[in-house]
Amino acid sequence: MAIIMAGALKGPTVYDRILAVNTFGTLSVILIALYGFLDGRPEFLDIAMVYALINFIATIAVTKYIKFSRLGRAADVDEAEDI
């Protein structure tokens, strides 16, 4: 997990960092589900599923934010007037 976090902090691009954080979240979900299974506590499996959904939605949201973060800025308005 330390290698994954190092990749999240020092990734060459922002997309590599997003991928590292997503990998960390997936590994956390697996560990939570495994602990719930081995301990015989099914509520941990529910928590793991909710965490997986939050991880997925957050990854999509951050990726869309990075892709469309320039929309609505003054530079886009000036470019639209030139057309």
C-alpha atoms as a PDB file:
ATOM      1  CA  MET A   1       0.000   0.000   0.000  1.00  0.00           C
ATOM      2  CA  ALA A   2       2.952   2.301   0.570  1.00  0.00           C
ATOM      3  CA  ILE A   3       4.054   1.899  -3.044  1.00  0.00           C
ATOM      4  CA  ILE A   4       0.573   2.829  -4.238  1.00  0.00           C
ATOM      5  CA  MET A   5       0.515   5.952  -2.070  1.00  0.00           C
ATOM      6  CA  ALA A   6       3.970   6.928  -3.338  1.00  0.00           C
ATOM      7  CA  GLY A   7       2.603   6.675  -6.866  1.00  0.00           C
ATOM      8  CA  ALA A   8      -0.341   8.838  -5.862  1.00  0.00           C
ATOM      9  CA  LEU A   9       1.936  11.525  -4.475  1.00  0.00           C
ATOM     10  CA  LYS A  10       4.666  11.461  -7.109  1.00  0.00           C
ATOM     11  CA  GLY A  11       2.900  10.274 -10.252  1.00  0.00           C
ATOM     12  CA  PRO A  12       4.214  11.800 -13.466  1.00  0.00           C
ATOM     13  CA  THR A  13       0.758  12.963 -14.578  1.00  0.00           C
ATOM     14  CA  VAL A  14      -2.479  13.744 -12.825  1.00  0.00           C
ATOM     15  CA  TYR A  15      -4.103  10.709 -14.445  1.00  0.00           C
ATOM     16  CA  ASP A  16      -1.434   8.431 -12.976  1.00  0.00           C
ATOM     17  CA  ARG A  17      -2.199   9.904  -9.570  1.00  0.00           C
ATOM     18  CA  ILE A  18      -5.927   9.303 -10.046  1.00  0.00           C
ATOM     19  CA  LEU A  19      -5.200   5.715 -11.050  1.00  0.00           C
ATOM     20  CA  ALA A  20      -3.028   5.212  -7.960  1.00  0.00           C
ATOM     21  CA  VAL A  21      -5.723   6.597  -5.651  1.00  0.00           C
ATOM     22  CA  ASN A  22      -8.316   4.388  -7.348  1.00  0.00           C
ATOM     23  CA  THR A  23      -6.041   1.364  -6.888  1.00  0.00           C
ATOM     24  CA  PHE A  24      -5.624   2.241  -3.214  1.00  0.00           C
ATOM     25  CA  GLY A  25      -9.406   2.444  -2.836  1.00  0.00           C
ATOM     26  CA  THR A  26      -9.894  -0.892  -4.572  1.00  0.00           C
ATOM     27  CA  LEU A  27      -7.298  -2.552  -2.365  1.00  0.00           C
ATOM     28  CA  SER A  28      -9.015  -1.084   0.702  1.00  0.00           C
ATOM     29  CA  VAL A  29     -12.348  -2.506  -0.451  1.00  0.00           C
ATOM     30  CA  ILE A  30     -10.774  -5.934  -0.899  1.00  0.00           C
ATOM     31  CA  LEU A  31      -9.212  -5.822   2.568  1.00  0.00           C
ATOM     32  CA  ILE A  32     -12.479  -4.710   4.213  1.00  0.00           C
ATOM     33  CA  ALA A  33     -14.447  -7.447   2.420  1.00  0.00           C
ATOM     34  CA  LEU A  34     -11.830 -10.074   3.263  1.00  0.00           C
ATOM     35  CA  TYR A  35     -11.832  -9.080   6.921  1.00  0.00           C
ATOM     36  CA  GLY A  36     -15.628  -9.222   7.018  1.00  0.00           C
ATOM     37  CA  PHE A  37     -15.633 -12.644   5.401  1.00  0.00           C
ATOM     38  CA  LEU A  38     -12.950 -14.100   7.667  1.00  0.00           C
ATOM     39  CA  ASP A  39     -14.459 -12.616  10.824  1.00  0.00           C
ATOM     40  CA  GLY A  40     -17.970 -13.746   9.894  1.00  0.00           C
ATOM     41  CA  ARG A  41     -19.427 -10.243   9.984  1.00  0.00           C
ATOM     42  CA  PRO A  42     -21.567  -9.601   6.898  1.00  0.00           C
ATOM     43  CA  GLU A  43     -21.968  -5.904   7.697  1.00  0.00           C
ATOM     44  CA  PHE A  44     -18.348  -5.391   6.651  1.00  0.00           C
ATOM     45  CA  LEU A  45     -19.258  -6.667   3.191  1.00  0.00           C
ATOM     46  CA  ASP A  46     -21.972  -4.010   2.992  1.00  0.00           C
ATOM     47  CA  ILE A  47     -19.493  -1.351   4.081  1.00  0.00           C
ATOM     48  CA  ALA A  48     -17.048  -2.557   1.428  1.00  0.00           C
ATOM     49  CA  MET A  49     -19.712  -2.283  -1.283  1.00  0.00           C
ATOM     50  CA  VAL A  50     -20.632   1.250  -0.235  1.00  0.00           C
ATOM     51  CA  TYR A  51     -16.977   2.237  -0.160  1.00  0.00           C
ATOM     52  CA  ALA A  52     -16.500   0.751  -3.649  1.00  0.00           C
ATOM     53  CA  LEU A  53     -19.401   2.838  -4.969  1.00  0.00           C
ATOM     54  CA  ILE A  54     -18.006   5.990  -3.369  1.00  0.00           C
ATOM     55  CA  ASN A  55     -14.575   5.210  -4.825  1.00  0.00           C
ATOM     56  CA  PHE A  56     -16.049   4.760  -8.311  1.00  0.00           C
ATOM     57  CA  ILE A  57     -18.164   7.922  -8.191  1.00  0.00           C
ATOM     58  CA  ALA A  58     -15.277   9.989  -6.828  1.00  0.00           C
ATOM     59  CA  THR A  59     -12.951   8.764  -9.580  1.00  0.00           C
ATOM     60  CA  ILE A  60     -15.467   9.687 -12.277  1.00  0.00           C
ATOM     61  CA  ALA A  61     -16.129  13.080 -10.672  1.00  0.00           C
ATOM     62  CA  VAL A  62     -12.451  14.011 -10.370  1.00  0.00           C
ATOM     63  CA  THR A  63     -11.722  12.878 -13.924  1.00  0.00           C
ATOM     64  CA  LYS A  64     -14.616  14.928 -15.310  1.00  0.00           C
ATOM     65  CA  TYR A  65     -13.564  17.927 -13.250  1.00  0.00           C
ATOM     66  CA  ILE A  66     -10.040  17.754 -14.641  1.00  0.00           C
ATOM     67  CA  LYS A  67     -11.313  17.317 -18.192  1.00  0.00           C
ATOM     68  CA  PHE A  68     -13.830  20.175 -18.061  1.00  0.00           C
ATOM     69  CA  SER A  69     -12.144  22.500 -15.567  1.00  0.00           C
ATOM     70  CA  ARG A  70     -11.435  25.111 -18.253  1.00  0.00           C
ATOM     71  CA  LEU A  71     -15.089  25.517 -19.236  1.00  0.00           C
ATOM     72  CA  GLY A  72     -16.595  28.878 -18.417  1.00  0.00           C
ATOM     73  CA  ARG A  73     -13.337  30.756 -18.017  1.00  0.00           C
ATOM     74  CA  ALA A  74     -12.625  34.056 -19.734  1.00  0.00           C
ATOM     75  CA  ALA A  75     -10.312  32.429 -22.297  1.00  0.00           C
ATOM     76  CA  ASP A  76     -13.178  30.244 -23.505  1.00  0.00           C
ATOM     77  CA  VAL A  77     -15.451  33.274 -23.894  1.00  0.00           C
ATOM     78  CA  ASP A  78     -12.843  35.104 -25.984  1.00  0.00           C
ATOM     79  CA  GLU A  79     -12.374  32.050 -28.196  1.00  0.00           C
ATOM     80  CA  ALA A  80     -16.143  31.762 -28.685  1.00  0.00           C
ATOM     81  CA  GLU A  81     -16.365  35.396 -29.839  1.00  0.00           C
ATOM     82  CA  ASP A  82     -13.727  34.761 -32.514  1.00  0.00           C
ATOM     83  CA  ILE A  83     -15.920  32.112 -34.132  1.00  0.00           C
END
